[in-house]
C-alpha atoms as a PDB file:
ATOM      1  CA  GLU A   1      20.791 -47.033 -59.263  1.00  0.00           C
ATOM      2  CA  ASN A   2      20.110 -50.407 -60.943  1.00  0.00           C
ATOM      3  CA  ALA A   3      19.549 -52.043 -57.550  1.00  0.00           C
ATOM      4  CA  GLN A   4      16.973 -49.382 -56.710  1.00  0.00           C
ATOM      5  CA  PHE A   5      15.215 -49.959 -60.012  1.00  0.00           C
ATOM      6  CA  ALA A   6      15.068 -53.690 -59.261  1.00  0.00           C
ATOM      7  CA  LYS A   7      13.553 -52.938 -55.834  1.00  0.00           C
ATOM      8  CA  LEU A   8      10.930 -50.672 -57.415  1.00  0.00           C
ATOM      9  CA  ASN A   9      10.035 -53.389 -59.915  1.00  0.00           C
ATOM     10  CA  ALA A  10       9.750 -55.976 -57.142  1.00  0.00           C
ATOM     11  CA  MET A  11       7.518 -53.675 -55.101  1.00  0.00           C
ATOM     12  CA  ALA A  12       5.224 -52.978 -58.055  1.00  0.00           C
ATOM     13  CA  ASP A  13       5.096 -56.670 -58.965  1.00  0.00           C
ATOM     14  CA  SER A  14       4.182 -57.524 -55.384  1.00  0.00           C
ATOM     15  CA  LEU A  15       1.401 -54.909 -55.263  1.00  0.00           C
ATOM     16  CA  SER A  16       0.062 -56.134 -58.590  1.00  0.00           C
ATOM     17  CA  LYS A  17       0.007 -59.783 -57.527  1.00  0.00           C
ATOM     18  CA  SER A  18      -1.395 -59.155 -54.059  1.00  0.00           C
ATOM     19  CA  LYS A  19      -3.987 -56.620 -55.264  1.00  0.00           C
ATOM     20  CA  GLU A  20      -3.543 -54.849 -51.931  1.00  0.00           C
ATOM     21  CA  ARG A  21      -6.039 -52.107 -51.308  1.00  0.00           C
ATOM     22  CA  LEU A  22      -6.426 -49.021 -49.223  1.00  0.00           C
ATOM     23  CA  PRO A  23      -9.277 -49.024 -46.684  1.00  0.00           C
ATOM     24  CA  ASP A  24     -11.556 -47.339 -49.252  1.00  0.00           C
ATOM     25  CA  GLY A  25     -11.006 -50.168 -51.771  1.00  0.00           C
ATOM     26  CA  ARG A  26      -8.627 -48.444 -54.181  1.00  0.00           C
ATOM     27  CA  TRP A  27      -5.631 -50.488 -55.267  1.00  0.00           C
ATOM     28  CA  LYS A  28      -2.308 -49.423 -53.750  1.00  0.00           C
ATOM     29  CA  LEU A  29      -0.659 -50.168 -57.093  1.00  0.00           C
ATOM     30  CA  ALA A  30      -2.385 -47.152 -58.646  1.00  0.00           C
ATOM     31  CA  PHE A  31      -0.480 -44.837 -56.339  1.00  0.00           C
ATOM     32  CA  PHE A  32       2.878 -46.447 -56.988  1.00  0.00           C
ATOM     33  CA  THR A  33       3.724 -44.772 -60.291  1.00  0.00           C
ATOM     34  CA  SER A  34       1.640 -41.645 -59.695  1.00  0.00           C
ATOM     35  CA  GLY A  35       4.140 -40.661 -57.012  1.00  0.00           C
ATOM     36  CA  LEU A  36       6.678 -40.017 -59.758  1.00  0.00           C
ATOM     37  CA  THR A  37       4.878 -36.817 -60.747  1.00  0.00           C
ATOM     38  CA  LYS A  38       4.857 -35.400 -57.224  1.00  0.00           C
ATOM     39  CA  GLY A  39       7.086 -32.432 -56.568  1.00  0.00           C
ATOM     40  CA  LEU A  40       7.390 -31.424 -60.205  1.00  0.00           C
ATOM     41  CA  SER A  41       6.812 -27.707 -60.626  1.00  0.00           C
ATOM     42  CA  LYS A  42       4.376 -26.522 -63.208  1.00  0.00           C
ATOM     43  CA  HIS A  43       6.053 -25.618 -66.489  1.00  0.00           C
ATOM     44  CA  ASP A  44       9.507 -26.610 -65.154  1.00  0.00           C
ATOM     45  CA  THR A  45      10.750 -28.280 -68.325  1.00  0.00           C
ATOM     46  CA  GLN A  46      14.106 -29.161 -66.798  1.00  0.00           C
ATOM     47  CA  ALA A  47      12.475 -31.012 -63.887  1.00  0.00           C
ATOM     48  CA  TRP A  48      10.091 -32.927 -66.173  1.00  0.00           C
ATOM     49  CA  HIS A  49      12.944 -33.886 -68.516  1.00  0.00           C
ATOM     50  CA  GLY A  50      15.037 -34.981 -65.540  1.00  0.00           C
ATOM     51  CA  ARG A  51      12.241 -37.247 -64.330  1.00  0.00           C
ATOM     52  CA  LEU A  52      11.754 -38.694 -67.815  1.00  0.00           C
ATOM     53  CA  GLN A  53      15.507 -39.285 -68.124  1.00  0.00           C
ATOM     54  CA  LEU A  54      15.503 -41.147 -64.808  1.00  0.00           C
ATOM     55  CA  ILE A  55      12.656 -43.341 -66.088  1.00  0.00           C
ATOM     56  CA  ASP A  56      14.519 -43.933 -69.367  1.00  0.00           C
ATOM     57  CA  ASN A  57      17.482 -45.130 -67.276  1.00  0.00           C
ATOM     58  CA  TRP A  58      15.070 -47.422 -65.431  1.00  0.00           C
ATOM     59  CA  ILE A  59      13.791 -48.815 -68.730  1.00  0.00           C
ATOM     60  CA  THR A  60      17.371 -49.383 -69.918  1.00  0.00           C
ATOM     61  CA  ALA A  61      18.241 -51.183 -66.679  1.00  0.00           C
ATOM     62  CA  THR A  62      15.134 -53.415 -66.698  1.00  0.00           C
ATOM     63  CA  PRO A  63      13.813 -53.463 -70.281  1.00  0.00           C
ATOM     64  CA  SER A  64      11.508 -56.460 -69.857  1.00  0.00           C
ATOM     65  CA  ASN A  65       9.712 -55.209 -66.750  1.00  0.00           C
ATOM     66  CA  ALA A  66       6.416 -53.377 -67.243  1.00  0.00           C
ATOM     67  CA  THR A  67       6.748 -50.943 -64.352  1.00  0.00           C
ATOM     68  CA  PRO A  68       9.126 -48.363 -65.864  1.00  0.00           C
ATOM     69  CA  TYR A  69       7.078 -48.212 -69.082  1.00  0.00           C
ATOM     70  CA  LEU A  70       3.888 -47.704 -67.102  1.00  0.00           C
ATOM     71  CA  ALA A  71       5.638 -45.020 -65.068  1.00  0.00           C
ATOM     72  CA  LYS A  72       6.865 -43.259 -68.200  1.00  0.00           C
ATOM     73  CA  ALA A  73       3.394 -43.242 -69.717  1.00  0.00           C
ATOM     74  CA  GLU A  74       1.926 -41.827 -66.526  1.00  0.00           C
ATOM     75  CA  VAL A  75       4.569 -39.103 -66.304  1.00  0.00           C
ATOM     76  CA  LEU A  76       4.062 -38.186 -69.969  1.00  0.00           C
ATOM     77  CA  VAL A  77       0.317 -37.876 -69.402  1.00  0.00           C
ATOM     78  CA  ALA A  78       0.912 -35.621 -66.383  1.00  0.00           C
ATOM     79  CA  TYR A  79       3.421 -33.611 -68.426  1.00  0.00           C
ATOM     80  CA  ALA A  80       0.814 -33.200 -71.166  1.00  0.00           C
ATOM     81  CA  TRP A  81      -1.679 -31.843 -68.642  1.00  0.00           C
ATOM     82  CA  ASP A  82       1.021 -29.545 -67.315  1.00  0.00           C
ATOM     83  CA  ALA A  83       1.167 -27.940 -70.775  1.00  0.00           C
ATOM     84  CA  ARG A  84      -2.608 -27.874 -71.298  1.00  0.00           C
ATOM     85  CA  GLY A  85      -3.737 -26.872 -67.819  1.00  0.00           C
ATOM     86  CA  VAL A  86      -6.825 -28.233 -66.124  1.00  0.00           C
ATOM     87  CA  GLY A  87      -9.358 -25.644 -67.268  1.00  0.00           C
ATOM     88  CA  SER A  88     -12.050 -26.253 -69.829  1.00  0.00           C
ATOM     89  CA  ALA A  89     -11.024 -26.527 -73.481  1.00  0.00           C
ATOM     90  CA  ASN A  90     -11.909 -22.918 -74.271  1.00  0.00           C
ATOM     91  CA  THR A  91      -9.331 -21.696 -71.722  1.00  0.00           C
ATOM     92  CA  VAL A  92      -6.401 -23.552 -73.324  1.00  0.00           C
ATOM     93  CA  LYS A  93      -4.007 -21.396 -75.314  1.00  0.00           C
ATOM     94  CA  ASP A  94      -3.743 -22.328 -79.002  1.00  0.00           C
ATOM     95  CA  GLY A  95      -0.014 -22.988 -78.664  1.00  0.00           C
ATOM     96  CA  ASP A  96      -0.548 -25.437 -75.792  1.00  0.00           C
ATOM     97  CA  TRP A  97      -2.771 -27.862 -77.720  1.00  0.00           C
ATOM     98  CA  PRO A  98      -0.009 -29.272 -79.973  1.00  0.00           C
ATOM     99  CA  ILE A  99       2.245 -29.845 -76.948  1.00  0.00           C
ATOM    100  CA  PHE A 100      -0.571 -31.599 -75.084  1.00  0.00           C
ATOM    101  CA  ARG A 101      -1.388 -33.814 -78.067  1.00  0.00           C
ATOM    102  CA  GLN A 102       2.265 -34.670 -78.694  1.00  0.00           C
ATOM    103  CA  ARG A 103       2.888 -35.765 -75.112  1.00  0.00           C
ATOM    104  CA  ILE A 104      -0.339 -37.788 -74.980  1.00  0.00           C
ATOM    105  CA  ALA A 105       0.698 -39.480 -78.240  1.00  0.00           C
ATOM    106  CA  GLN A 106       4.130 -40.244 -76.749  1.00  0.00           C
ATOM    107  CA  ALA A 107       2.471 -41.844 -73.711  1.00  0.00           C
ATOM    108  CA  ARG A 108       0.280 -43.962 -75.974  1.00  0.00           C
ATOM    109  CA  ASP A 109       3.320 -45.024 -77.980  1.00  0.00           C
ATOM    110  CA  VAL A 110       5.111 -46.146 -74.809  1.00  0.00           C
ATOM    111  CA  LEU A 111       2.112 -48.266 -73.784  1.00  0.00           C
ATOM    112  CA  GLU A 112       1.569 -49.761 -77.220  1.00  0.00           C
ATOM    113  CA  LYS A 113       5.247 -50.670 -77.657  1.00  0.00           C
ATOM    114  CA  SER A 114       5.363 -52.385 -74.260  1.00  0.00           C
ATOM    115  CA  ALA A 115       1.901 -53.964 -74.450  1.00  0.00           C
ATOM    116  CA  THR A 116       3.149 -57.540 -74.888  1.00  0.00           C
ATOM    117  CA  PHE A 117       4.278 -57.571 -71.264  1.00  0.00           C
ATOM    118  CA  SER A 118       2.870 -54.428 -69.636  1.00  0.00           C
ATOM    119  CA  LYS A 119      -0.753 -55.112 -70.547  1.00  0.00           C
ATOM    120  CA  ARG A 120      -0.861 -57.649 -67.714  1.00  0.00           C
ATOM    121  CA  SER A 121      -1.003 -54.739 -65.282  1.00  0.00           C
ATOM    122  CA  PRO A 122      -4.209 -52.812 -64.607  1.00  0.00           C
ATOM    123  CA  LEU A 123      -2.031 -49.672 -64.733  1.00  0.00           C
ATOM    124  CA  TRP A 124      -1.715 -50.222 -68.475  1.00  0.00           C
ATOM    125  CA  TYR A 125      -5.492 -49.997 -68.801  1.00  0.00           C
ATOM    126  CA  GLU A 126      -5.778 -47.056 -66.396  1.00  0.00           C
ATOM    127  CA  ASN A 127      -3.244 -45.068 -68.399  1.00  0.00           C
ATOM    128  CA  MET A 128      -4.643 -46.075 -71.783  1.00  0.00           C
ATOM    129  CA  LEU A 129      -8.184 -45.124 -70.711  1.00  0.00           C
ATOM    130  CA  THR A 130      -6.858 -41.697 -69.699  1.00  0.00           C
ATOM    131  CA  ILE A 131      -5.183 -41.389 -73.095  1.00  0.00           C
ATOM    132  CA  ALA A 132      -8.363 -42.509 -74.855  1.00  0.00           C
ATOM    133  CA  THR A 133     -10.289 -39.720 -73.133  1.00  0.00           C
ATOM    134  CA  ALA A 134      -7.638 -37.130 -73.993  1.00  0.00           C
ATOM    135  CA  GLN A 135      -7.521 -38.298 -77.629  1.00  0.00           C
ATOM    136  CA  SER A 136     -11.328 -38.414 -77.939  1.00  0.00           C
ATOM    137  CA  TRP A 137     -11.501 -42.046 -78.950  1.00  0.00           C
ATOM    138  CA  PRO A 138     -14.865 -43.146 -80.333  1.00  0.00           C
ATOM    139  CA  GLU A 139     -17.098 -44.511 -77.591  1.00  0.00           C
ATOM    140  CA  GLU A 140     -17.122 -48.049 -78.983  1.00  0.00           C
ATOM    141  CA  ASP A 141     -13.290 -48.187 -78.902  1.00  0.00           C
ATOM    142  CA  PHE A 142     -13.220 -46.792 -75.380  1.00  0.00           C
ATOM    143  CA  VAL A 143     -15.832 -49.281 -74.186  1.00  0.00           C
ATOM    144  CA  ARG A 144     -13.940 -52.179 -75.794  1.00  0.00           C
ATOM    145  CA  LEU A 145     -10.768 -51.151 -73.936  1.00  0.00           C
ATOM    146  CA  PHE A 146     -12.668 -50.693 -70.662  1.00  0.00           C
ATOM    147  CA  ARG A 147     -14.290 -54.129 -70.980  1.00  0.00           C
ATOM    148  CA  GLU A 148     -10.956 -55.752 -71.743  1.00  0.00           C
ATOM    149  CA  GLY A 149      -9.471 -54.205 -68.604  1.00  0.00           C
ATOM    150  CA  THR A 150     -12.401 -55.029 -66.333  1.00  0.00           C
ATOM    151  CA  THR A 151     -12.563 -58.579 -67.664  1.00  0.00           C
ATOM    152  CA  LYS A 152      -9.010 -59.027 -66.370  1.00  0.00           C
ATOM    153  CA  GLU A 153      -9.506 -57.017 -63.166  1.00  0.00           C
ATOM    154  CA  PRO A 154     -13.248 -56.612 -62.455  1.00  0.00           C
ATOM    155  CA  THR A 155     -12.745 -55.009 -59.036  1.00  0.00           C
ATOM    156  CA  ASN A 156     -10.160 -52.393 -59.959  1.00  0.00           C
ATOM    157  CA  TYR A 157     -12.082 -49.220 -59.150  1.00  0.00           C
ATOM    158  CA  PHE A 158      -9.759 -46.953 -61.094  1.00  0.00           C
ATOM    159  CA  LEU A 159     -10.875 -48.529 -64.368  1.00  0.00           C
ATOM    160  CA  TYR A 160     -14.448 -47.580 -63.486  1.00  0.00           C
ATOM    161  CA  PHE A 161     -13.365 -44.083 -62.433  1.00  0.00           C
ATOM    162  CA  LYS A 162     -11.650 -43.591 -65.800  1.00  0.00           C
ATOM    163  CA  ALA A 163     -14.765 -44.730 -67.661  1.00  0.00           C
ATOM    164  CA  ALA A 164     -16.975 -42.443 -65.576  1.00  0.00           C
ATOM    165  CA  GLU A 165     -14.669 -39.540 -66.409  1.00  0.00           C
ATOM    166  CA  TYR A 166     -14.940 -40.304 -70.138  1.00  0.00           C
ATOM    167  CA  LEU A 167     -18.734 -40.289 -69.821  1.00  0.00           C
ATOM    168  CA  LEU A 168     -18.918 -36.912 -68.095  1.00  0.00           C
ATOM    169  CA  PRO A 169     -20.766 -34.305 -70.155  1.00  0.00           C
ATOM    170  CA  ARG A 170     -17.605 -32.170 -70.285  1.00  0.00           C
ATOM    171  CA  TRP A 171     -15.800 -34.960 -72.127  1.00  0.00           C
ATOM    172  CA  HIS A 172     -17.676 -37.405 -74.322  1.00  0.00           C
ATOM    173  CA  GLY A 173     -20.827 -38.381 -72.485  1.00  0.00           C
ATOM    174  CA  SER A 174     -23.971 -37.091 -70.903  1.00  0.00           C
ATOM    175  CA  ALA A 175     -25.691 -37.235 -67.537  1.00  0.00           C
ATOM    176  CA  LYS A 176     -27.853 -40.069 -68.869  1.00  0.00           C
ATOM    177  CA  LYS A 177     -24.900 -42.155 -70.102  1.00  0.00           C
ATOM    178  CA  LEU A 178     -23.048 -41.584 -66.863  1.00  0.00           C
ATOM    179  CA  THR A 179     -26.037 -42.636 -64.747  1.00  0.00           C
ATOM    180  CA  GLU A 180     -26.542 -45.771 -66.848  1.00  0.00           C
ATOM    181  CA  PHE A 181     -22.847 -46.616 -66.542  1.00  0.00           C
ATOM    182  CA  VAL A 182     -22.847 -46.200 -62.759  1.00  0.00           C
ATOM    183  CA  ASP A 183     -25.931 -48.416 -62.434  1.00  0.00           C
ATOM    184  CA  ASP A 184     -24.329 -51.083 -64.645  1.00  0.00           C
ATOM    185  CA  ALA A 185     -21.018 -50.879 -62.742  1.00  0.00           C
ATOM    186  CA  VAL A 186     -22.746 -51.370 -59.400  1.00  0.00           C
ATOM    187  CA  THR A 187     -24.651 -54.363 -60.757  1.00  0.00           C
ATOM    188  CA  ALA A 188     -21.489 -55.864 -62.280  1.00  0.00           C
ATOM    189  CA  THR A 189     -19.380 -55.512 -59.141  1.00  0.00           C
ATOM    190  CA  GLU A 190     -21.823 -55.986 -56.257  1.00  0.00           C
ATOM    191  CA  GLN A 191     -21.496 -59.783 -56.369  1.00  0.00           C
ATOM    192  CA  ARG A 192     -17.721 -59.499 -55.983  1.00  0.00           C
ATOM    193  CA  GLU A 193     -17.496 -56.716 -53.456  1.00  0.00           C
END
């Protein structure tokens, strides 16, 4: 198992360094940890806990590598959405909100505790931007985080996708803010792309 964890870390490190992309421009790295949520049945607590235990074993085996922490945060976020559901806020059962909030907070805690070494990865910013949206961070805090991430990786499209999601009217923005953001993002990236 430890040898497999080392191989996973090496693969993620390689994708991060190479910044390999799919033909549409999205970074391959973004799909690396998201695969860990595939095949998990909705509301199958045992399966989710099994996946989280596997990731905890990965963290124990390679405690100074960012990848297992980033994976755990991503799985916790997916697990939170599993409890909440994907409908609008008024369709969420009252009892599901505390579970959603707890799991989002756990994901944030994982990222914050590993930030000294995992913040080098754009996945850290992708996950934290998702958490910021879910936790309704003030816009100025969200924008500061987004700018920090895009300063490090200005052509990582997922950072822009996460910001656009935050600015959707159903979350914390408006059509006007979203349009302004898209125009600014195109201007900021067109010289590089």
